[in-house]
Each structure stands twice: as C-alpha cells, then as structure tokens.
Amino acid sequence: MKKTTPDGPKAKRIKRDDHQHDEATRNILDRLQQDSPVALDSLKPTQAQIISPQAPFAVLADVRATDALLHIWVMLKSAEEVSDEITELASGIERGLVWSLVHSVEMSRALIEALLRGNGVDPQA
C-alpha cells in the first residue's frame, strides 16, 4: 500500500551517557543497603544553601526534617496535578513520557506521605 503523505521529520534523540546513569543508580542502591535506619526526629535541620547565583530564592537554615518533607509533599502534589493536565494535551510518545513522570511523582509523594504519617504528621490536614 502506498502512503499518501510523507513521513514527518524524525525526532532527534539526545544521547545520554548510560554508564554514568547506571553508576549513579548503583551508588544510591549501595548506600541504601549500607546505611542503618535513622529516626526522622534525629535528622539535623537544614543548612542554608543558595540554589544558584541567578536563583531568586534559597534554602533557609534550621528547617526541621518533617517541615522540609511537608513542603516537598506539597511541591510533588503540584507537579502531579500539572503533569496530569499536560498528559491530556499530549499524544503518542509524549503522553507516555509524561505519564511516566506522573507515576514517578506519585510514587515519590506516596513515600514522603508514608514517612510523614509514620511520624505523626498528616500532610492533608
């Protein structure tokens, strides 16, 4: 069967260095297996940190771990909602990529929520 329309331009793929990605993943998994469990209350507060010289904000000093996790939970919830909206507009491979992002954000938020609830903090309250 002959095509009536020509193929569109092929997407250019950005080649990533899988070796570095694999090594970073291996290092994370090694640390998770070596480190002993730490109580959330025993974590030290944050240290002040500038994100970048151009950033209009920075991480404040002395933010407790539970407060930091609560803020991360809210940011992940927002990212999940935005990604859900974008997924509806996407098509083809883009929809699959955005869905993958949504799934990763959902899993991250669920993990943080479980950690917060396990330490007596209800992020939805």
PDB file of N, CA and C in Angstrom:
ATOM      1  N   MET A   1       0.843  -1.173   0.000  1.00  0.00           N
ATOM      2  CA  MET A   1       0.000   0.000   0.000  1.00  0.00           C
ATOM      3  C   MET A   1       0.888   1.235   0.000  1.00  0.00           C
ATOM      4  N   LYS A   2       0.577   2.196  -0.835  1.00  0.00           N
ATOM      5  CA  LYS A   2       1.353   3.421  -0.909  1.00  0.00           C
ATOM      6  C   LYS A   2       0.855   4.431   0.113  1.00  0.00           C
ATOM      7  N   LYS A   3       1.821   5.147   0.691  1.00  0.00           N
ATOM      8  CA  LYS A   3       1.461   6.202   1.624  1.00  0.00           C
ATOM      9  C   LYS A   3       1.021   7.429   0.842  1.00  0.00           C
ATOM     10  N   THR A   4      -0.016   8.087   1.336  1.00  0.00           N
ATOM     11  CA  THR A   4      -0.478   9.293   0.657  1.00  0.00           C
ATOM     12  C   THR A   4       0.231  10.537   1.169  1.00  0.00           C
ATOM     13  N   THR A   5       0.798  10.435   2.368  1.00  0.00           N
ATOM     14  CA  THR A   5       1.546  11.566   2.926  1.00  0.00           C
ATOM     15  C   THR A   5       2.933  11.097   3.312  1.00  0.00           C
ATOM     16  N   PRO A   6       3.919  11.960   3.146  1.00  0.00           N
ATOM     17  CA  PRO A   6       5.282  11.559   3.528  1.00  0.00           C
ATOM     18  C   PRO A   6       5.441  11.507   5.040  1.00  0.00           C
ATOM     19  N   ASP A   7       6.447  10.758   5.488  1.00  0.00           N
ATOM     20  CA  ASP A   7       6.754  10.707   6.915  1.00  0.00           C
ATOM     21  C   ASP A   7       7.225  12.079   7.383  1.00  0.00           C
ATOM     22  N   GLY A   8       6.831  12.439   8.585  1.00  0.00           N
ATOM     23  CA  GLY A   8       7.286  13.706   9.159  1.00  0.00           C
ATOM     24  C   GLY A   8       8.738  13.594   9.584  1.00  0.00           C
ATOM     25  N   PRO A   9       9.309  14.703  10.029  1.00  0.00           N
ATOM     26  CA  PRO A   9      10.704  14.652  10.476  1.00  0.00           C
ATOM     27  C   PRO A   9      10.847  13.752  11.698  1.00  0.00           C
ATOM     28  N   LYS A  10      11.926  13.025  11.746  1.00  0.00           N
ATOM     29  CA  LYS A  10      12.171  12.140  12.883  1.00  0.00           C
ATOM     30  C   LYS A  10      12.688  12.950  14.059  1.00  0.00           C
ATOM     31  N   ALA A  11      12.232  12.571  15.240  1.00  0.00           N
ATOM     32  CA  ALA A  11      12.675  13.265  16.457  1.00  0.00           C
ATOM     33  C   ALA A  11      14.159  13.007  16.684  1.00  0.00           C
ATOM     34  N   LYS A  12      14.859  14.055  17.056  1.00  0.00           N
ATOM     35  CA  LYS A  12      16.277  13.903  17.364  1.00  0.00           C
ATOM     36  C   LYS A  12      16.398  13.418  18.801  1.00  0.00           C
ATOM     37  N   ARG A  13      17.166  12.390  18.988  1.00  0.00           N
ATOM     38  CA  ARG A  13      17.361  11.858  20.332  1.00  0.00           C
ATOM     39  C   ARG A  13      18.634  12.419  20.921  1.00  0.00           C
ATOM     40  N   ILE A  14      18.520  12.802  22.170  1.00  0.00           N
ATOM     41  CA  ILE A  14      19.699  13.274  22.887  1.00  0.00           C
ATOM     42  C   ILE A  14      20.345  12.047  23.506  1.00  0.00           C
ATOM     43  N   LYS A  15      21.572  11.796  23.125  1.00  0.00           N
ATOM     44  CA  LYS A  15      22.272  10.626  23.641  1.00  0.00           C
ATOM     45  C   LYS A  15      22.764  10.917  25.050  1.00  0.00           C
ATOM     46  N   ARG A  16      22.413  10.071  25.960  1.00  0.00           N
ATOM     47  CA  ARG A  16      22.892  10.239  27.325  1.00  0.00           C
ATOM     48  C   ARG A  16      23.917   9.164  27.623  1.00  0.00           C
ATOM     49  N   ASP A  17      24.718   9.453  28.605  1.00  0.00           N
ATOM     50  CA  ASP A  17      25.767   8.522  28.996  1.00  0.00           C
ATOM     51  C   ASP A  17      25.172   7.523  29.990  1.00  0.00           C
ATOM     52  N   ASP A  18      24.712   6.379  29.490  1.00  0.00           N
ATOM     53  CA  ASP A  18      24.088   5.385  30.361  1.00  0.00           C
ATOM     54  C   ASP A  18      25.036   4.872  31.430  1.00  0.00           C
ATOM     55  N   HIS A  19      26.331   4.885  31.135  1.00  0.00           N
ATOM     56  CA  HIS A  19      27.304   4.416  32.123  1.00  0.00           C
ATOM     57  C   HIS A  19      27.227   5.276  33.390  1.00  0.00           C
ATOM     58  N   GLN A  20      27.174   6.601  33.224  1.00  0.00           N
ATOM     59  CA  GLN A  20      27.082   7.478  34.393  1.00  0.00           C
ATOM     60  C   GLN A  20      25.763   7.267  35.112  1.00  0.00           C
ATOM     61  N   HIS A  21      24.688   7.094  34.356  1.00  0.00           N
ATOM     62  CA  HIS A  21      23.378   6.868  34.959  1.00  0.00           C
ATOM     63  C   HIS A  21      23.380   5.575  35.757  1.00  0.00           C
ATOM     64  N   ASP A  22      23.913   4.521  35.171  1.00  0.00           N
ATOM     65  CA  ASP A  22      23.961   3.225  35.852  1.00  0.00           C
ATOM     66  C   ASP A  22      24.836   3.291  37.101  1.00  0.00           C
ATOM     67  N   GLU A  23      25.949   4.002  37.010  1.00  0.00           N
ATOM     68  CA  GLU A  23      26.849   4.117  38.159  1.00  0.00           C
ATOM     69  C   GLU A  23      26.189   4.906  39.295  1.00  0.00           C
ATOM     70  N   ALA A  24      25.486   5.976  38.957  1.00  0.00           N
ATOM     71  CA  ALA A  24      24.791   6.764  39.980  1.00  0.00           C
ATOM     72  C   ALA A  24      23.721   5.921  40.662  1.00  0.00           C
ATOM     73  N   THR A  25      22.967   5.157  39.879  1.00  0.00           N
ATOM     74  CA  THR A  25      21.941   4.284  40.445  1.00  0.00           C
ATOM     75  C   THR A  25      22.570   3.240  41.357  1.00  0.00           C
ATOM     76  N   ARG A  26      23.675   2.660  40.932  1.00  0.00           N
ATOM     77  CA  ARG A  26      24.363   1.649  41.736  1.00  0.00           C
ATOM     78  C   ARG A  26      24.838   2.257  43.062  1.00  0.00           C
ATOM     79  N   ASN A  27      25.386   3.479  43.007  1.00  0.00           N
ATOM     80  CA  ASN A  27      25.845   4.142  44.233  1.00  0.00           C
ATOM     81  C   ASN A  27      24.698   4.390  45.199  1.00  0.00           C
ATOM     82  N   ILE A  28      23.561   4.809  44.686  1.00  0.00           N
ATOM     83  CA  ILE A  28      22.388   5.044  45.541  1.00  0.00           C
ATOM     84  C   ILE A  28      21.939   3.743  46.188  1.00  0.00           C
ATOM     85  N   LEU A  29      21.834   2.683  45.396  1.00  0.00           N
ATOM     86  CA  LEU A  29      21.405   1.398  45.942  1.00  0.00           C
ATOM     87  C   LEU A  29      22.394   0.870  46.979  1.00  0.00           C
ATOM     88  N   ASP A  30      23.680   1.048  46.749  1.00  0.00           N
ATOM     89  CA  ASP A  30      24.691   0.626  47.723  1.00  0.00           C
ATOM     90  C   ASP A  30      24.519   1.375  49.040  1.00  0.00           C
ATOM     91  N   ARG A  31      24.296   2.690  48.973  1.00  0.00           N
ATOM     92  CA  ARG A  31      24.119   3.485  50.197  1.00  0.00           C
ATOM     93  C   ARG A  31      22.870   3.072  50.948  1.00  0.00           C
ATOM     94  N   LEU A  32      21.802   2.783  50.219  1.00  0.00           N
ATOM     95  CA  LEU A  32      20.563   2.368  50.872  1.00  0.00           C
ATOM     96  C   LEU A  32      20.749   1.046  51.613  1.00  0.00           C
ATOM     97  N   GLN A  33      21.569   0.156  51.058  1.00  0.00           N
ATOM     98  CA  GLN A  33      21.793  -1.131  51.697  1.00  0.00           C
ATOM     99  C   GLN A  33      22.761  -1.026  52.874  1.00  0.00           C
ATOM    100  N   GLN A  34      23.669  -0.046  52.860  1.00  0.00           N
ATOM    101  CA  GLN A  34      24.677   0.079  53.912  1.00  0.00           C
ATOM    102  C   GLN A  34      24.190   0.890  55.112  1.00  0.00           C
ATOM    103  N   ASP A  35      23.429   1.946  54.829  1.00  0.00           N
ATOM    104  CA  ASP A  35      23.030   2.849  55.909  1.00  0.00           C
ATOM    105  C   ASP A  35      22.029   2.181  56.842  1.00  0.00           C
ATOM    106  N   SER A  36      22.209   2.429  58.137  1.00  0.00           N
ATOM    107  CA  SER A  36      21.248   1.913  59.100  1.00  0.00           C
ATOM    108  C   SER A  36      20.059   2.867  59.152  1.00  0.00           C
ATOM    109  N   PRO A  37      18.877   2.372  59.520  1.00  0.00           N
ATOM    110  CA  PRO A  37      17.712   3.246  59.608  1.00  0.00           C
ATOM    111  C   PRO A  37      17.952   4.394  60.590  1.00  0.00           C
ATOM    112  N   VAL A  38      17.451   5.558  60.230  1.00  0.00           N
ATOM    113  CA  VAL A  38      17.609   6.753  61.063  1.00  0.00           C
ATOM    114  C   VAL A  38      16.221   7.269  61.408  1.00  0.00           C
ATOM    115  N   ALA A  39      16.003   7.570  62.672  1.00  0.00           N
ATOM    116  CA  ALA A  39      14.729   8.152  63.090  1.00  0.00           C
ATOM    117  C   ALA A  39      14.628   9.558  62.519  1.00  0.00           C
ATOM    118  N   LEU A  40      13.447   9.904  62.034  1.00  0.00           N
ATOM    119  CA  LEU A  40      13.243  11.213  61.423  1.00  0.00           C
ATOM    120  C   LEU A  40      13.571  12.339  62.397  1.00  0.00           C
ATOM    121  N   ASP A  41      13.224  12.153  63.650  1.00  0.00           N
ATOM    122  CA  ASP A  41      13.494  13.191  64.653  1.00  0.00           C
ATOM    123  C   ASP A  41      14.983  13.376  64.921  1.00  0.00           C
ATOM    124  N   SER A  42      15.796  12.383  64.563  1.00  0.00           N
ATOM    125  CA  SER A  42      17.228  12.509  64.819  1.00  0.00           C
ATOM    126  C   SER A  42      17.952  13.238  63.686  1.00  0.00           C
ATOM    127  N   LEU A  43      17.247  13.524  62.588  1.00  0.00           N
ATOM    128  CA  LEU A  43      17.875  14.253  61.485  1.00  0.00           C
ATOM    129  C   LEU A  43      18.121  15.696  61.890  1.00  0.00           C
ATOM    130  N   LYS A  44      19.246  16.223  61.499  1.00  0.00           N
ATOM    131  CA  LYS A  44      19.577  17.612  61.801  1.00  0.00           C
ATOM    132  C   LYS A  44      18.789  18.530  60.879  1.00  0.00           C
ATOM    133  N   PRO A  45      18.536  19.768  61.317  1.00  0.00           N
ATOM    134  CA  PRO A  45      17.840  20.726  60.454  1.00  0.00           C
ATOM    135  C   PRO A  45      18.689  21.070  59.229  1.00  0.00           C
ATOM    136  N   THR A  46      18.062  21.708  58.269  1.00  0.00           N
ATOM    137  CA  THR A  46      18.749  22.079  57.041  1.00  0.00           C
ATOM    138  C   THR A  46      19.830  23.121  57.295  1.00  0.00           C
ATOM    139  N   GLN A  47      20.773  23.164  56.388  1.00  0.00           N
ATOM    140  CA  GLN A  47      21.768  24.228  56.354  1.00  0.00           C
ATOM    141  C   GLN A  47      21.355  25.179  55.244  1.00  0.00           C
ATOM    142  N   ALA A  48      21.629  26.453  55.426  1.00  0.00           N
ATOM    143  CA  ALA A  48      21.306  27.423  54.384  1.00  0.00           C
ATOM    144  C   ALA A  48      22.055  27.050  53.115  1.00  0.00           C
ATOM    145  N   GLN A  49      21.382  27.179  51.980  1.00  0.00           N
ATOM    146  CA  GLN A  49      22.011  26.821  50.709  1.00  0.00           C
ATOM    147  C   GLN A  49      21.433  27.684  49.602  1.00  0.00           C
ATOM    148  N   ILE A  50      22.318  28.315  48.840  1.00  0.00           N
ATOM    149  CA  ILE A  50      21.896  29.071  47.668  1.00  0.00           C
ATOM    150  C   ILE A  50      21.732  28.077  46.530  1.00  0.00           C
ATOM    151  N   ILE A  51      20.624  28.160  45.829  1.00  0.00           N
ATOM    152  CA  ILE A  51      20.345  27.229  44.736  1.00  0.00           C
ATOM    153  C   ILE A  51      21.286  27.491  43.564  1.00  0.00           C
ATOM    154  N   SER A  52      21.379  28.737  43.144  1.00  0.00           N
ATOM    155  CA  SER A  52      22.321  29.159  42.111  1.00  0.00           C
ATOM    156  C   SER A  52      22.460  30.674  42.220  1.00  0.00           C
ATOM    157  N   PRO A  53      23.512  31.240  41.670  1.00  0.00           N
ATOM    158  CA  PRO A  53      23.675  32.699  41.762  1.00  0.00           C
ATOM    159  C   PRO A  53      22.506  33.466  41.140  1.00  0.00           C
ATOM    160  N   GLN A  54      21.827  32.880  40.146  1.00  0.00           N
ATOM    161  CA  GLN A  54      20.715  33.552  39.479  1.00  0.00           C
ATOM    162  C   GLN A  54      19.363  33.308  40.157  1.00  0.00           C
ATOM    163  N   ALA A  55      19.281  32.331  41.055  1.00  0.00           N
ATOM    164  CA  ALA A  55      18.003  31.968  41.671  1.00  0.00           C
ATOM    165  C   ALA A  55      17.520  33.058  42.616  1.00  0.00           C
ATOM    166  N   PRO A  56      16.232  33.360  42.584  1.00  0.00           N
ATOM    167  CA  PRO A  56      15.694  34.382  43.484  1.00  0.00           C
ATOM    168  C   PRO A  56      15.353  33.847  44.877  1.00  0.00           C
ATOM    169  N   PHE A  57      15.711  32.612  45.142  1.00  0.00           N
ATOM    170  CA  PHE A  57      15.423  32.030  46.454  1.00  0.00           C
ATOM    171  C   PHE A  57      16.545  31.104  46.877  1.00  0.00           C
ATOM    172  N   ALA A  58      16.487  30.691  48.139  1.00  0.00           N
ATOM    173  CA  ALA A  58      17.499  29.783  48.693  1.00  0.00           C
ATOM    174  C   ALA A  58      16.832  28.928  49.760  1.00  0.00           C
ATOM    175  N   VAL A  59      17.507  27.884  50.174  1.00  0.00           N
ATOM    176  CA  VAL A  59      17.022  27.051  51.267  1.00  0.00           C
ATOM    177  C   VAL A  59      17.409  27.731  52.575  1.00  0.00           C
ATOM    178  N   LEU A  60      16.446  27.880  53.461  1.00  0.00           N
ATOM    179  CA  LEU A  60      16.709  28.501  54.751  1.00  0.00           C
ATOM    180  C   LEU A  60      17.431  27.537  55.687  1.00  0.00           C
ATOM    181  N   ALA A  61      18.128  28.092  56.626  1.00  0.00           N
ATOM    182  CA  ALA A  61      18.782  27.275  57.655  1.00  0.00           C
ATOM    183  C   ALA A  61      17.765  26.874  58.718  1.00  0.00           C
ATOM    184  N   ASP A  62      18.034  25.773  59.386  1.00  0.00           N
ATOM    185  CA  ASP A  62      17.271  25.302  60.542  1.00  0.00           C
ATOM    186  C   ASP A  62      15.827  24.899  60.251  1.00  0.00           C
ATOM    187  N   VAL A  63      15.552  24.385  59.050  1.00  0.00           N
ATOM    188  CA  VAL A  63      14.232  23.829  58.749  1.00  0.00           C
ATOM    189  C   VAL A  63      14.253  22.377  59.216  1.00  0.00           C
ATOM    190  N   ARG A  64      13.287  22.022  60.065  1.00  0.00           N
ATOM    191  CA  ARG A  64      13.220  20.643  60.561  1.00  0.00           C
ATOM    192  C   ARG A  64      12.889  19.682  59.431  1.00  0.00           C
ATOM    193  N   ALA A  65      13.334  18.431  59.573  1.00  0.00           N
ATOM    194  CA  ALA A  65      13.136  17.417  58.539  1.00  0.00           C
ATOM    195  C   ALA A  65      11.655  17.229  58.219  1.00  0.00           C
ATOM    196  N   THR A  66      10.800  17.184  59.228  1.00  0.00           N
ATOM    197  CA  THR A  66       9.370  16.983  58.966  1.00  0.00           C
ATOM    198  C   THR A  66       8.786  18.163  58.193  1.00  0.00           C
ATOM    199  N   ASP A  67       9.209  19.385  58.505  1.00  0.00           N
ATOM    200  CA  ASP A  67       8.727  20.560  57.764  1.00  0.00           C
ATOM    201  C   ASP A  67       9.220  20.524  56.320  1.00  0.00           C
ATOM    202  N   ALA A  68      10.480  20.145  56.127  1.00  0.00           N
ATOM    203  CA  ALA A  68      11.034  20.057  54.774  1.00  0.00           C
ATOM    204  C   ALA A  68      10.272  19.010  53.967  1.00  0.00           C
ATOM    205  N   LEU A  69       9.989  17.862  54.567  1.00  0.00           N
ATOM    206  CA  LEU A  69       9.249  16.807  53.877  1.00  0.00           C
ATOM    207  C   LEU A  69       7.828  17.256  53.542  1.00  0.00           C
ATOM    208  N   LEU A  70       7.227  18.003  54.436  1.00  0.00           N
ATOM    209  CA  LEU A  70       5.878  18.508  54.183  1.00  0.00           C
ATOM    210  C   LEU A  70       5.872  19.455  52.984  1.00  0.00           C
ATOM    211  N   HIS A  71       6.871  20.308  52.891  1.00  0.00           N
ATOM    212  CA  HIS A  71       6.973  21.208  51.739  1.00  0.00           C
ATOM    213  C   HIS A  71       7.230  20.417  50.453  1.00  0.00           C
ATOM    214  N   ILE A  72       8.068  19.392  50.530  1.00  0.00           N
ATOM    215  CA  ILE A  72       8.337  18.556  49.362  1.00  0.00           C
ATOM    216  C   ILE A  72       7.054  17.859  48.923  1.00  0.00           C
ATOM    217  N   TRP A  73       6.250  17.398  49.875  1.00  0.00           N
ATOM    218  CA  TRP A  73       4.993  16.733  49.576  1.00  0.00           C
ATOM    219  C   TRP A  73       4.079  17.678  48.797  1.00  0.00           C
ATOM    220  N   VAL A  74       3.990  18.917  49.220  1.00  0.00           N
ATOM    221  CA  VAL A  74       3.146  19.903  48.538  1.00  0.00           C
ATOM    222  C   VAL A  74       3.672  20.164  47.118  1.00  0.00           C
ATOM    223  N   MET A  75       4.989  20.301  46.974  1.00  0.00           N
ATOM    224  CA  MET A  75       5.566  20.533  45.648  1.00  0.00           C
ATOM    225  C   MET A  75       5.308  19.345  44.718  1.00  0.00           C
ATOM    226  N   LEU A  76       5.430  18.126  45.234  1.00  0.00           N
ATOM    227  CA  LEU A  76       5.172  16.941  44.415  1.00  0.00           C
ATOM    228  C   LEU A  76       3.699  16.839  44.040  1.00  0.00           C
ATOM    229  N   LYS A  77       2.817  17.220  44.952  1.00  0.00           N
ATOM    230  CA  LYS A  77       1.379  17.230  44.645  1.00  0.00           C
ATOM    231  C   LYS A  77       1.103  18.204  43.511  1.00  0.00           C
ATOM    232  N   SER A  78       1.716  19.368  43.557  1.00  0.00           N
ATOM    233  CA  SER A  78       1.552  20.355  42.489  1.00  0.00           C
ATOM    234  C   SER A  78       2.099  19.825  41.164  1.00  0.00           C
ATOM    235  N   ALA A  79       3.275  19.207  41.212  1.00  0.00           N
ATOM    236  CA  ALA A  79       3.875  18.643  39.997  1.00  0.00           C
ATOM    237  C   ALA A  79       2.981  17.551  39.412  1.00  0.00           C
ATOM    238  N   GLU A  80       2.372  16.762  40.282  1.00  0.00           N
ATOM    239  CA  GLU A  80       1.473  15.702  39.833  1.00  0.00           C
ATOM    240  C   GLU A  80       0.257  16.293  39.125  1.00  0.00           C
ATOM    241  N   GLU A  81      -0.319  17.340  39.695  1.00  0.00           N
ATOM    242  CA  GLU A  81      -1.507  17.963  39.104  1.00  0.00           C
ATOM    243  C   GLU A  81      -1.184  18.613  37.762  1.00  0.00           C
ATOM    244  N   VAL A  82      -0.044  19.298  37.680  1.00  0.00           N
ATOM    245  CA  VAL A  82       0.358  19.917  36.411  1.00  0.00           C
ATOM    246  C   VAL A  82       0.611  18.839  35.361  1.00  0.00           C
ATOM    247  N   SER A  83       1.295  17.784  35.747  1.00  0.00           N
ATOM    248  CA  SER A  83       1.598  16.701  34.807  1.00  0.00           C
ATOM    249  C   SER A  83       0.328  16.021  34.317  1.00  0.00           C
ATOM    250  N   ASP A  84      -0.655  15.860  35.206  1.00  0.00           N
ATOM    251  CA  ASP A  84      -1.932  15.278  34.799  1.00  0.00           C
ATOM    252  C   ASP A  84      -2.584  16.123  33.707  1.00  0.00           C
ATOM    253  N   GLU A  85      -2.540  17.438  33.862  1.00  0.00           N
ATOM    254  CA  GLU A  85      -3.121  18.331  32.856  1.00  0.00           C
ATOM    255  C   GLU A  85      -2.366  18.234  31.537  1.00  0.00           C
ATOM    256  N   ILE A  86      -1.049  18.186  31.587  1.00  0.00           N
ATOM    257  CA  ILE A  86      -0.237  18.106  30.372  1.00  0.00           C
ATOM    258  C   ILE A  86      -0.488  16.791  29.649  1.00  0.00           C
ATOM    259  N   THR A  87      -0.685  15.710  30.386  1.00  0.00           N
ATOM    260  CA  THR A  87      -0.911  14.393  29.780  1.00  0.00           C
ATOM    261  C   THR A  87      -2.129  14.424  28.869  1.00  0.00           C
ATOM    262  N   GLU A  88      -3.164  15.139  29.275  1.00  0.00           N
ATOM    263  CA  GLU A  88      -4.379  15.201  28.456  1.00  0.00           C
ATOM    264  C   GLU A  88      -4.117  15.890  27.117  1.00  0.00           C
ATOM    265  N   LEU A  89      -3.156  16.802  27.066  1.00  0.00           N
ATOM    266  CA  LEU A  89      -2.866  17.536  25.843  1.00  0.00           C
ATOM    267  C   LEU A  89      -1.863  16.821  24.939  1.00  0.00           C
ATOM    268  N   ALA A  90      -1.123  15.893  25.510  1.00  0.00           N
ATOM    269  CA  ALA A  90      -0.058  15.214  24.757  1.00  0.00           C
ATOM    270  C   ALA A  90      -0.631  14.074  23.921  1.00  0.00           C
ATOM    271  N   SER A  91       0.165  13.626  22.973  1.00  0.00           N
ATOM    272  CA  SER A  91      -0.242  12.473  22.170  1.00  0.00           C
ATOM    273  C   SER A  91       0.984  11.612  21.893  1.00  0.00           C
ATOM    274  N   GLY A  92       0.730  10.372  21.579  1.00  0.00           N
ATOM    275  CA  GLY A  92       1.813   9.470  21.207  1.00  0.00           C
ATOM    276  C   GLY A  92       2.833   9.271  22.305  1.00  0.00           C
ATOM    277  N   ILE A  93       4.093   9.331  21.905  1.00  0.00           N
ATOM    278  CA  ILE A  93       5.184   9.059  22.839  1.00  0.00           C
ATOM    279  C   ILE A  93       5.233  10.101  23.960  1.00  0.00           C
ATOM    280  N   GLU A  94       4.848  11.348  23.646  1.00  0.00           N
ATOM    281  CA  GLU A  94       4.863  12.385  24.676  1.00  0.00           C
ATOM    282  C   GLU A  94       3.932  12.018  25.834  1.00  0.00           C
ATOM    283  N   ARG A  95       2.780  11.462  25.497  1.00  0.00           N
ATOM    284  CA  ARG A  95       1.829  11.077  26.542  1.00  0.00           C
ATOM    285  C   ARG A  95       2.438   9.999  27.439  1.00  0.00           C
ATOM    286  N   GLY A  96       3.133   9.051  26.841  1.00  0.00           N
ATOM    287  CA  GLY A  96       3.788   8.003  27.623  1.00  0.00           C
ATOM    288  C   GLY A  96       4.881   8.556  28.512  1.00  0.00           C
ATOM    289  N   LEU A  97       5.650   9.504  27.993  1.00  0.00           N
ATOM    290  CA  LEU A  97       6.722  10.108  28.794  1.00  0.00           C
ATOM    291  C   LEU A  97       6.162  10.914  29.966  1.00  0.00           C
ATOM    292  N   VAL A  98       5.111  11.690  29.688  1.00  0.00           N
ATOM    293  CA  VAL A  98       4.506  12.477  30.768  1.00  0.00           C
ATOM    294  C   VAL A  98       3.863  11.551  31.786  1.00  0.00           C
ATOM    295  N   TRP A  99       3.206  10.482  31.310  1.00  0.00           N
ATOM    296  CA  TRP A  99       2.604   9.536  32.246  1.00  0.00           C
ATOM    297  C   TRP A  99       3.677   8.928  33.140  1.00  0.00           C
ATOM    298  N   SER A 100       4.825   8.628  32.570  1.00  0.00           N
ATOM    299  CA  SER A 100       5.932   8.089  33.365  1.00  0.00           C
ATOM    300  C   SER A 100       6.358   9.086  34.429  1.00  0.00           C
ATOM    301  N   LEU A 101       6.401  10.349  34.064  1.00  0.00           N
ATOM    302  CA  LEU A 101       6.730  11.401  35.029  1.00  0.00           C
ATOM    303  C   LEU A 101       5.689  11.461  36.138  1.00  0.00           C
ATOM    304  N   VAL A 102       4.412  11.419  35.756  1.00  0.00           N
ATOM    305  CA  VAL A 102       3.327  11.446  36.748  1.00  0.00           C
ATOM    306  C   VAL A 102       3.469  10.274  37.712  1.00  0.00           C
ATOM    307  N   HIS A 103       3.749   9.098  37.170  1.00  0.00           N
ATOM    308  CA  HIS A 103       3.881   7.900  38.006  1.00  0.00           C
ATOM    309  C   HIS A 103       5.042   8.053  39.000  1.00  0.00           C
ATOM    310  N   SER A 104       6.171   8.575  38.542  1.00  0.00           N
ATOM    311  CA  SER A 104       7.321   8.779  39.424  1.00  0.00           C
ATOM    312  C   SER A 104       7.004   9.791  40.528  1.00  0.00           C
ATOM    313  N   VAL A 105       6.316  10.858  40.167  1.00  0.00           N
ATOM    314  CA  VAL A 105       5.950  11.878  41.150  1.00  0.00           C
ATOM    315  C   VAL A 105       4.963  11.297  42.166  1.00  0.00           C
ATOM    316  N   GLU A 106       3.983  10.521  41.690  1.00  0.00           N
ATOM    317  CA  GLU A 106       3.024   9.892  42.600  1.00  0.00           C
ATOM    318  C   GLU A 106       3.721   8.972  43.594  1.00  0.00           C
ATOM    319  N   MET A 107       4.664   8.168  43.102  1.00  0.00           N
ATOM    320  CA  MET A 107       5.386   7.251  43.988  1.00  0.00           C
ATOM    321  C   MET A 107       6.216   8.027  45.011  1.00  0.00           C
ATOM    322  N   SER A 108       6.860   9.101  44.570  1.00  0.00           N
ATOM    323  CA  SER A 108       7.669   9.918  45.477  1.00  0.00           C
ATOM    324  C   SER A 108       6.790  10.540  46.557  1.00  0.00           C
ATOM    325  N   ARG A 109       5.664  11.074  46.142  1.00  0.00           N
ATOM    326  CA  ARG A 109       4.756  11.707  47.104  1.00  0.00           C
ATOM    327  C   ARG A 109       4.200  10.677  48.089  1.00  0.00           C
ATOM    328  N   ALA A 110       3.865   9.488  47.603  1.00  0.00           N
ATOM    329  CA  ALA A 110       3.351   8.438  48.486  1.00  0.00           C
ATOM    330  C   ALA A 110       4.396   8.037  49.520  1.00  0.00           C
ATOM    331  N   LEU A 111       5.649   7.945  49.109  1.00  0.00           N
ATOM    332  CA  LEU A 111       6.720   7.587  50.037  1.00  0.00           C
ATOM    333  C   LEU A 111       6.900   8.658  51.108  1.00  0.00           C
ATOM    334  N   ILE A 112       6.899   9.913  50.689  1.00  0.00           N
ATOM    335  CA  ILE A 112       7.040  11.006  51.658  1.00  0.00           C
ATOM    336  C   ILE A 112       5.825  11.066  52.576  1.00  0.00           C
ATOM    337  N   GLU A 113       4.632  10.855  52.011  1.00  0.00           N
ATOM    338  CA  GLU A 113       3.426  10.867  52.835  1.00  0.00           C
ATOM    339  C   GLU A 113       3.476   9.757  53.886  1.00  0.00           C
ATOM    340  N   ALA A 114       3.923   8.563  53.492  1.00  0.00           N
ATOM    341  CA  ALA A 114       4.028   7.456  54.445  1.00  0.00           C
ATOM    342  C   ALA A 114       5.037   7.780  55.542  1.00  0.00           C
ATOM    343  N   LEU A 115       6.132   8.417  55.182  1.00  0.00           N
ATOM    344  CA  LEU A 115       7.141   8.807  56.161  1.00  0.00           C
ATOM    345  C   LEU A 115       6.588   9.849  57.129  1.00  0.00           C
ATOM    346  N   LEU A 116       5.871  10.833  56.590  1.00  0.00           N
ATOM    347  CA  LEU A 116       5.281  11.861  57.449  1.00  0.00           C
ATOM    348  C   LEU A 116       4.218  11.263  58.379  1.00  0.00           C
ATOM    349  N   ARG A 117       3.327  10.439  57.827  1.00  0.00           N
ATOM    350  CA  ARG A 117       2.286   9.829  58.657  1.00  0.00           C
ATOM    351  C   ARG A 117       2.900   8.930  59.728  1.00  0.00           C
ATOM    352  N   GLY A 118       3.962   8.241  59.378  1.00  0.00           N
ATOM    353  CA  GLY A 118       4.654   7.388  60.358  1.00  0.00           C
ATOM    354  C   GLY A 118       5.267   8.184  61.484  1.00  0.00           C
ATOM    355  N   ASN A 119       5.441   9.486  61.277  1.00  0.00           N
ATOM    356  CA  ASN A 119       5.997  10.359  62.307  1.00  0.00           C
ATOM    357  C   ASN A 119       4.964  11.350  62.843  1.00  0.00           C
ATOM    358  N   GLY A 120       3.680  10.988  62.691  1.00  0.00           N
ATOM    359  CA  GLY A 120       2.605  11.768  63.304  1.00  0.00           C
ATOM    360  C   GLY A 120       2.234  13.051  62.582  1.00  0.00           C
ATOM    361  N   VAL A 121       2.597  13.193  61.302  1.00  0.00           N
ATOM    362  CA  VAL A 121       2.253  14.397  60.548  1.00  0.00           C
ATOM    363  C   VAL A 121       1.317  13.999  59.417  1.00  0.00           C
ATOM    364  N   ASP A 122       0.121  14.613  59.376  1.00  0.00           N
ATOM    365  CA  ASP A 122      -0.831  14.361  58.299  1.00  0.00           C
ATOM    366  C   ASP A 122      -0.696  15.468  57.266  1.00  0.00           C
ATOM    367  N   PRO A 123      -0.091  15.191  56.108  1.00  0.00           N
ATOM    368  CA  PRO A 123       0.133  16.248  55.124  1.00  0.00           C
ATOM    369  C   PRO A 123      -1.159  16.797  54.521  1.00  0.00           C
ATOM    370  N   GLN A 124      -2.259  16.063  54.638  1.00  0.00           N
ATOM    371  CA  GLN A 124      -3.509  16.530  54.054  1.00  0.00           C
ATOM    372  C   GLN A 124      -4.366  17.300  55.055  1.00  0.00           C
ATOM    373  N   ALA A 125      -3.841  17.469  56.250  1.00  0.00           N
ATOM    374  CA  ALA A 125      -4.623  18.175  57.279  1.00  0.00           C
ATOM    375  C   ALA A 125      -4.559  19.671  57.084  1.00  0.00           C
TER     376      ALA A 125
END
